[in-house]
Amino acid sequence: MPSFLLIAQLLLAVALIAVILIQVKGGGLGGIFGQPDSVYRTRRGLEKTLLQVTIVLIVLFVILSIVIVRVSIV
């Protein structure tokens, strides 16, 4: 298996962890536990950008994981 795929996956994992840790806390399941204002709040600016970057990194990580499995089987 090409080592550049593993290195790319490692870099994606580190970037994903960093982006998740940078995000603002308290936006999760707050509506269920009595914080209704967090449910109706829209993401703007940096929060929206971080959310979009997180989604892109997750998709890339999953695709790269599938590619690594396919390459290692053959």
PDB file of N, CA and C in Angstrom:
ATOM      1  N   MET A   1       0.847  -1.173   0.000  1.00  0.00           N
ATOM      2  CA  MET A   1       0.000   0.000   0.000  1.00  0.00           C
ATOM      3  C   MET A   1       0.898   1.244   0.000  1.00  0.00           C
ATOM      4  N   PRO A   2       0.568   2.193  -0.834  1.00  0.00           N
ATOM      5  CA  PRO A   2       1.376   3.413  -0.894  1.00  0.00           C
ATOM      6  C   PRO A   2       1.360   4.154   0.444  1.00  0.00           C
ATOM      7  N   SER A   3       2.531   4.532   0.883  1.00  0.00           N
ATOM      8  CA  SER A   3       2.623   5.196   2.182  1.00  0.00           C
ATOM      9  C   SER A   3       2.065   6.616   2.146  1.00  0.00           C
ATOM     10  N   PHE A   4       1.991   7.220   0.964  1.00  0.00           N
ATOM     11  CA  PHE A   4       1.452   8.580   0.902  1.00  0.00           C
ATOM     12  C   PHE A   4      -0.027   8.615   1.273  1.00  0.00           C
ATOM     13  N   LEU A   5      -0.742   7.514   1.046  1.00  0.00           N
ATOM     14  CA  LEU A   5      -2.148   7.458   1.464  1.00  0.00           C
ATOM     15  C   LEU A   5      -2.268   7.468   2.984  1.00  0.00           C
ATOM     16  N   LEU A   6      -1.395   6.726   3.634  1.00  0.00           N
ATOM     17  CA  LEU A   6      -1.412   6.702   5.100  1.00  0.00           C
ATOM     18  C   LEU A   6      -0.997   8.047   5.689  1.00  0.00           C
ATOM     19  N   ILE A   7      -0.019   8.674   5.070  1.00  0.00           N
ATOM     20  CA  ILE A   7       0.412   9.997   5.533  1.00  0.00           C
ATOM     21  C   ILE A   7      -0.704  11.015   5.331  1.00  0.00           C
ATOM     22  N   ALA A   8      -1.385  10.942   4.185  1.00  0.00           N
ATOM     23  CA  ALA A   8      -2.504  11.853   3.923  1.00  0.00           C
ATOM     24  C   ALA A   8      -3.620  11.639   4.935  1.00  0.00           C
ATOM     25  N   GLN A   9      -3.903  10.383   5.279  1.00  0.00           N
ATOM     26  CA  GLN A   9      -4.955  10.112   6.256  1.00  0.00           C
ATOM     27  C   GLN A   9      -4.551  10.621   7.641  1.00  0.00           C
ATOM     28  N   LEU A  10      -3.297  10.467   7.985  1.00  0.00           N
ATOM     29  CA  LEU A  10      -2.817  10.975   9.265  1.00  0.00           C
ATOM     30  C   LEU A  10      -2.939  12.494   9.333  1.00  0.00           C
ATOM     31  N   LEU A  11      -2.555  13.171   8.259  1.00  0.00           N
ATOM     32  CA  LEU A  11      -2.668  14.632   8.221  1.00  0.00           C
ATOM     33  C   LEU A  11      -4.127  15.079   8.285  1.00  0.00           C
ATOM     34  N   LEU A  12      -5.006  14.360   7.584  1.00  0.00           N
ATOM     35  CA  LEU A  12      -6.435  14.679   7.654  1.00  0.00           C
ATOM     36  C   LEU A  12      -6.973  14.488   9.065  1.00  0.00           C
ATOM     37  N   ALA A  13      -6.547  13.431   9.729  1.00  0.00           N
ATOM     38  CA  ALA A  13      -7.011  13.172  11.093  1.00  0.00           C
ATOM     39  C   ALA A  13      -6.569  14.282  12.045  1.00  0.00           C
ATOM     40  N   VAL A  14      -5.329  14.710  11.924  1.00  0.00           N
ATOM     41  CA  VAL A  14      -4.822  15.787  12.779  1.00  0.00           C
ATOM     42  C   VAL A  14      -5.562  17.093  12.489  1.00  0.00           C
ATOM     43  N   ALA A  15      -5.784  17.391  11.215  1.00  0.00           N
ATOM     44  CA  ALA A  15      -6.516  18.606  10.849  1.00  0.00           C
ATOM     45  C   ALA A  15      -7.950  18.554  11.359  1.00  0.00           C
ATOM     46  N   LEU A  16      -8.579  17.396  11.263  1.00  0.00           N
ATOM     47  CA  LEU A  16      -9.955  17.242  11.735  1.00  0.00           C
ATOM     48  C   LEU A  16     -10.032  17.438  13.244  1.00  0.00           C
ATOM     49  N   ILE A  17      -9.100  16.870  13.970  1.00  0.00           N
ATOM     50  CA  ILE A  17      -9.069  17.052  15.426  1.00  0.00           C
ATOM     51  C   ILE A  17      -8.887  18.525  15.775  1.00  0.00           C
ATOM     52  N   ALA A  18      -7.988  19.201  15.075  1.00  0.00           N
ATOM     53  CA  ALA A  18      -7.733  20.618  15.346  1.00  0.00           C
ATOM     54  C   ALA A  18      -8.969  21.467  15.078  1.00  0.00           C
ATOM     55  N   VAL A  19      -9.647  21.220  13.965  1.00  0.00           N
ATOM     56  CA  VAL A  19     -10.832  22.011  13.619  1.00  0.00           C
ATOM     57  C   VAL A  19     -11.955  21.762  14.620  1.00  0.00           C
ATOM     58  N   ILE A  20     -12.120  20.526  15.048  1.00  0.00           N
ATOM     59  CA  ILE A  20     -13.168  20.220  16.025  1.00  0.00           C
ATOM     60  C   ILE A  20     -12.866  20.889  17.364  1.00  0.00           C
ATOM     61  N   LEU A  21     -11.615  20.900  17.773  1.00  0.00           N
ATOM     62  CA  LEU A  21     -11.263  21.523  19.047  1.00  0.00           C
ATOM     63  C   LEU A  21     -11.396  23.041  19.017  1.00  0.00           C
ATOM     64  N   ILE A  22     -11.270  23.645  17.847  1.00  0.00           N
ATOM     65  CA  ILE A  22     -11.382  25.100  17.724  1.00  0.00           C
ATOM     66  C   ILE A  22     -12.838  25.563  17.806  1.00  0.00           C
ATOM     67  N   GLN A  23     -13.775  24.700  17.446  1.00  0.00           N
ATOM     68  CA  GLN A  23     -15.178  25.096  17.384  1.00  0.00           C
ATOM     69  C   GLN A  23     -15.701  25.531  18.749  1.00  0.00           C
ATOM     70  N   VAL A  24     -16.730  26.395  18.698  1.00  0.00           N
ATOM     71  CA  VAL A  24     -17.345  26.934  19.906  1.00  0.00           C
ATOM     72  C   VAL A  24     -18.095  25.827  20.630  1.00  0.00           C
ATOM     73  N   LYS A  25     -17.958  25.808  21.936  1.00  0.00           N
ATOM     74  CA  LYS A  25     -18.626  24.792  22.732  1.00  0.00           C
ATOM     75  C   LYS A  25     -20.076  25.200  23.004  1.00  0.00           C
ATOM     76  N   GLY A  26     -20.921  24.233  23.370  1.00  0.00           N
ATOM     77  CA  GLY A  26     -22.278  24.524  23.799  1.00  0.00           C
ATOM     78  C   GLY A  26     -23.308  24.511  22.701  1.00  0.00           C
ATOM     79  N   GLY A  27     -22.987  24.096  21.516  1.00  0.00           N
ATOM     80  CA  GLY A  27     -23.962  24.086  20.440  1.00  0.00           C
ATOM     81  C   GLY A  27     -24.586  22.739  20.193  1.00  0.00           C
ATOM     82  N   GLY A  28     -24.257  21.756  20.990  1.00  0.00           N
ATOM     83  CA  GLY A  28     -24.688  20.385  20.740  1.00  0.00           C
ATOM     84  C   GLY A  28     -26.141  20.110  21.039  1.00  0.00           C
ATOM     85  N   LEU A  29     -26.410  19.316  22.044  1.00  0.00           N
ATOM     86  CA  LEU A  29     -27.765  18.893  22.378  1.00  0.00           C
ATOM     87  C   LEU A  29     -28.385  19.803  23.432  1.00  0.00           C
ATOM     88  N   GLY A  30     -28.090  21.076  23.368  1.00  0.00           N
ATOM     89  CA  GLY A  30     -28.583  22.018  24.366  1.00  0.00           C
ATOM     90  C   GLY A  30     -30.084  22.138  24.424  1.00  0.00           C
ATOM     91  N   GLY A  31     -30.776  21.998  23.302  1.00  0.00           N
ATOM     92  CA  GLY A  31     -32.228  22.109  23.276  1.00  0.00           C
ATOM     93  C   GLY A  31     -32.919  21.013  24.055  1.00  0.00           C
ATOM     94  N   ILE A  32     -32.320  19.860  24.111  1.00  0.00           N
ATOM     95  CA  ILE A  32     -32.913  18.745  24.843  1.00  0.00           C
ATOM     96  C   ILE A  32     -32.795  18.969  26.344  1.00  0.00           C
ATOM     97  N   PHE A  33     -31.744  19.621  26.777  1.00  0.00           N
ATOM     98  CA  PHE A  33     -31.480  19.778  28.200  1.00  0.00           C
ATOM     99  C   PHE A  33     -31.822  21.169  28.722  1.00  0.00           C
ATOM    100  N   GLY A  34     -32.725  21.874  28.054  1.00  0.00           N
ATOM    101  CA  GLY A  34     -33.224  23.130  28.595  1.00  0.00           C
ATOM    102  C   GLY A  34     -32.543  24.380  28.105  1.00  0.00           C
ATOM    103  N   GLN A  35     -31.882  24.346  26.991  1.00  0.00           N
ATOM    104  CA  GLN A  35     -31.267  25.540  26.428  1.00  0.00           C
ATOM    105  C   GLN A  35     -31.837  25.785  25.035  1.00  0.00           C
ATOM    106  N   PRO A  36     -33.082  26.236  24.944  1.00  0.00           N
ATOM    107  CA  PRO A  36     -33.719  26.364  23.633  1.00  0.00           C
ATOM    108  C   PRO A  36     -33.108  27.426  22.739  1.00  0.00           C
ATOM    109  N   ASP A  37     -32.430  28.428  23.304  1.00  0.00           N
ATOM    110  CA  ASP A  37     -31.871  29.479  22.456  1.00  0.00           C
ATOM    111  C   ASP A  37     -30.753  28.967  21.560  1.00  0.00           C
ATOM    112  N   SER A  38     -30.057  27.923  21.977  1.00  0.00           N
ATOM    113  CA  SER A  38     -28.979  27.403  21.137  1.00  0.00           C
ATOM    114  C   SER A  38     -29.508  26.635  19.933  1.00  0.00           C
ATOM    115  N   VAL A  39     -30.758  26.190  19.993  1.00  0.00           N
ATOM    116  CA  VAL A  39     -31.342  25.442  18.884  1.00  0.00           C
ATOM    117  C   VAL A  39     -31.656  26.373  17.718  1.00  0.00           C
ATOM    118  N   TYR A  40     -32.133  27.566  18.008  1.00  0.00           N
ATOM    119  CA  TYR A  40     -32.587  28.482  16.962  1.00  0.00           C
ATOM    120  C   TYR A  40     -31.496  29.435  16.489  1.00  0.00           C
ATOM    121  N   ARG A  41     -30.338  29.363  17.076  1.00  0.00           N
ATOM    122  CA  ARG A  41     -29.252  30.263  16.709  1.00  0.00           C
ATOM    123  C   ARG A  41     -28.611  29.785  15.411  1.00  0.00           C
ATOM    124  N   THR A  42     -28.390  30.703  14.495  1.00  0.00           N
ATOM    125  CA  THR A  42     -27.743  30.327  13.237  1.00  0.00           C
ATOM    126  C   THR A  42     -26.243  30.566  13.348  1.00  0.00           C
ATOM    127  N   ARG A  43     -25.504  29.794  12.593  1.00  0.00           N
ATOM    128  CA  ARG A  43     -24.048  29.943  12.594  1.00  0.00           C
ATOM    129  C   ARG A  43     -23.671  31.029  11.590  1.00  0.00           C
ATOM    130  N   ARG A  44     -22.784  31.910  12.018  1.00  0.00           N
ATOM    131  CA  ARG A  44     -22.341  32.985  11.146  1.00  0.00           C
ATOM    132  C   ARG A  44     -20.831  33.124  11.230  1.00  0.00           C
ATOM    133  N   GLY A  45     -20.273  33.645  10.184  1.00  0.00           N
ATOM    134  CA  GLY A  45     -18.855  33.977  10.170  1.00  0.00           C
ATOM    135  C   GLY A  45     -17.944  32.785  10.353  1.00  0.00           C
ATOM    136  N   LEU A  46     -17.099  32.886  11.370  1.00  0.00           N
ATOM    137  CA  LEU A  46     -16.089  31.863  11.618  1.00  0.00           C
ATOM    138  C   LEU A  46     -16.720  30.523  11.990  1.00  0.00           C
ATOM    139  N   GLU A  47     -17.819  30.551  12.759  1.00  0.00           N
ATOM    140  CA  GLU A  47     -18.491  29.298  13.135  1.00  0.00           C
ATOM    141  C   GLU A  47     -18.974  28.544  11.903  1.00  0.00           C
ATOM    142  N   LYS A  48     -19.562  29.267  10.955  1.00  0.00           N
ATOM    143  CA  LYS A  48     -20.062  28.636   9.735  1.00  0.00           C
ATOM    144  C   LYS A  48     -18.907  28.071   8.911  1.00  0.00           C
ATOM    145  N   THR A  49     -17.829  28.828   8.816  1.00  0.00           N
ATOM    146  CA  THR A  49     -16.664  28.367   8.063  1.00  0.00           C
ATOM    147  C   THR A  49     -16.056  27.122   8.699  1.00  0.00           C
ATOM    148  N   LEU A  50     -15.940  27.122  10.026  1.00  0.00           N
ATOM    149  CA  LEU A  50     -15.393  25.951  10.713  1.00  0.00           C
ATOM    150  C   LEU A  50     -16.287  24.731  10.532  1.00  0.00           C
ATOM    151  N   LEU A  51     -17.596  24.933  10.537  1.00  0.00           N
ATOM    152  CA  LEU A  51     -18.518  23.822  10.311  1.00  0.00           C
ATOM    153  C   LEU A  51     -18.344  23.256   8.904  1.00  0.00           C
ATOM    154  N   GLN A  52     -18.234  24.126   7.917  1.00  0.00           N
ATOM    155  CA  GLN A  52     -18.059  23.669   6.542  1.00  0.00           C
ATOM    156  C   GLN A  52     -16.721  22.954   6.355  1.00  0.00           C
ATOM    157  N   VAL A  53     -15.666  23.474   6.967  1.00  0.00           N
ATOM    158  CA  VAL A  53     -14.353  22.825   6.882  1.00  0.00           C
ATOM    159  C   VAL A  53     -14.404  21.457   7.554  1.00  0.00           C
ATOM    160  N   THR A  54     -15.109  21.367   8.684  1.00  0.00           N
ATOM    161  CA  THR A  54     -15.247  20.086   9.377  1.00  0.00           C
ATOM    162  C   THR A  54     -15.949  19.061   8.502  1.00  0.00           C
ATOM    163  N   ILE A  55     -17.019  19.465   7.850  1.00  0.00           N
ATOM    164  CA  ILE A  55     -17.763  18.548   6.980  1.00  0.00           C
ATOM    165  C   ILE A  55     -16.889  18.081   5.822  1.00  0.00           C
ATOM    166  N   VAL A  56     -16.155  19.000   5.210  1.00  0.00           N
ATOM    167  CA  VAL A  56     -15.276  18.636   4.090  1.00  0.00           C
ATOM    168  C   VAL A  56     -14.193  17.666   4.556  1.00  0.00           C
ATOM    169  N   LEU A  57     -13.596  17.934   5.709  1.00  0.00           N
ATOM    170  CA  LEU A  57     -12.547  17.047   6.221  1.00  0.00           C
ATOM    171  C   LEU A  57     -13.091  15.662   6.551  1.00  0.00           C
ATOM    172  N   ILE A  58     -14.301  15.600   7.096  1.00  0.00           N
ATOM    173  CA  ILE A  58     -14.911  14.301   7.400  1.00  0.00           C
ATOM    174  C   ILE A  58     -15.147  13.514   6.120  1.00  0.00           C
ATOM    175  N   VAL A  59     -15.684  14.174   5.103  1.00  0.00           N
ATOM    176  CA  VAL A  59     -15.948  13.492   3.828  1.00  0.00           C
ATOM    177  C   VAL A  59     -14.639  12.997   3.212  1.00  0.00           C
ATOM    178  N   LEU A  60     -13.615  13.840   3.214  1.00  0.00           N
ATOM    179  CA  LEU A  60     -12.317  13.430   2.670  1.00  0.00           C
ATOM    180  C   LEU A  60     -11.718  12.267   3.460  1.00  0.00           C
ATOM    181  N   PHE A  61     -11.867  12.305   4.775  1.00  0.00           N
ATOM    182  CA  PHE A  61     -11.336  11.231   5.614  1.00  0.00           C
ATOM    183  C   PHE A  61     -12.023   9.905   5.317  1.00  0.00           C
ATOM    184  N   VAL A  62     -13.344   9.939   5.172  1.00  0.00           N
ATOM    185  CA  VAL A  62     -14.093   8.711   4.875  1.00  0.00           C
ATOM    186  C   VAL A  62     -13.720   8.177   3.493  1.00  0.00           C
ATOM    187  N   ILE A  63     -13.659   9.060   2.501  1.00  0.00           N
ATOM    188  CA  ILE A  63     -13.298   8.630   1.148  1.00  0.00           C
ATOM    189  C   ILE A  63     -11.889   8.038   1.128  1.00  0.00           C
ATOM    190  N   LEU A  64     -10.956   8.703   1.795  1.00  0.00           N
ATOM    191  CA  LEU A  64      -9.586   8.196   1.837  1.00  0.00           C
ATOM    192  C   LEU A  64      -9.511   6.859   2.572  1.00  0.00           C
ATOM    193  N   SER A  65     -10.304   6.688   3.608  1.00  0.00           N
ATOM    194  CA  SER A  65     -10.333   5.406   4.322  1.00  0.00           C
ATOM    195  C   SER A  65     -10.826   4.289   3.414  1.00  0.00           C
ATOM    196  N   ILE A  66     -11.852   4.573   2.631  1.00  0.00           N
ATOM    197  CA  ILE A  66     -12.375   3.569   1.694  1.00  0.00           C
ATOM    198  C   ILE A  66     -11.327   3.239   0.633  1.00  0.00           C
ATOM    199  N   VAL A  67     -10.640   4.255   0.132  1.00  0.00           N
ATOM    200  CA  VAL A  67      -9.599   4.026  -0.875  1.00  0.00           C
ATOM    201  C   VAL A  67      -8.473   3.171  -0.294  1.00  0.00           C
ATOM    202  N   ILE A  68      -8.079   3.444   0.930  1.00  0.00           N
ATOM    203  CA  ILE A  68      -7.012   2.662   1.556  1.00  0.00           C
ATOM    204  C   ILE A  68      -7.427   1.207   1.712  1.00  0.00           C
ATOM    205  N   VAL A  69      -8.669   0.971   2.097  1.00  0.00           N
ATOM    206  CA  VAL A  69      -9.148  -0.411   2.228  1.00  0.00           C
ATOM    207  C   VAL A  69      -9.161  -1.094   0.869  1.00  0.00           C
ATOM    208  N   ARG A  70      -9.641  -0.412  -0.151  1.00  0.00           N
ATOM    209  CA  ARG A  70      -9.685  -1.000  -1.498  1.00  0.00           C
ATOM    210  C   ARG A  70      -8.281  -1.313  -2.017  1.00  0.00           C
ATOM    211  N   VAL A  71      -7.344  -0.423  -1.789  1.00  0.00           N
ATOM    212  CA  VAL A  71      -5.977  -0.631  -2.269  1.00  0.00           C
ATOM    213  C   VAL A  71      -5.310  -1.776  -1.507  1.00  0.00           C
ATOM    214  N   SER A  72      -5.586  -1.889  -0.223  1.00  0.00           N
ATOM    215  CA  SER A  72      -4.935  -2.936   0.562  1.00  0.00           C
ATOM    216  C   SER A  72      -5.508  -4.320   0.271  1.00  0.00           C
ATOM    217  N   ILE A  73      -6.754  -4.394  -0.208  1.00  0.00           N
ATOM    218  CA  ILE A  73      -7.359  -5.683  -0.554  1.00  0.00           C
ATOM    219  C   ILE A  73      -6.759  -6.227  -1.844  1.00  0.00           C
ATOM    220  N   VAL A  74      -6.514  -5.346  -2.805  1.00  0.00           N
ATOM    221  CA  VAL A  74      -6.016  -5.775  -4.118  1.00  0.00           C
ATOM    222  C   VAL A  74      -4.570  -6.133  -4.083  1.00  0.00           C
TER     223      VAL A  74
END
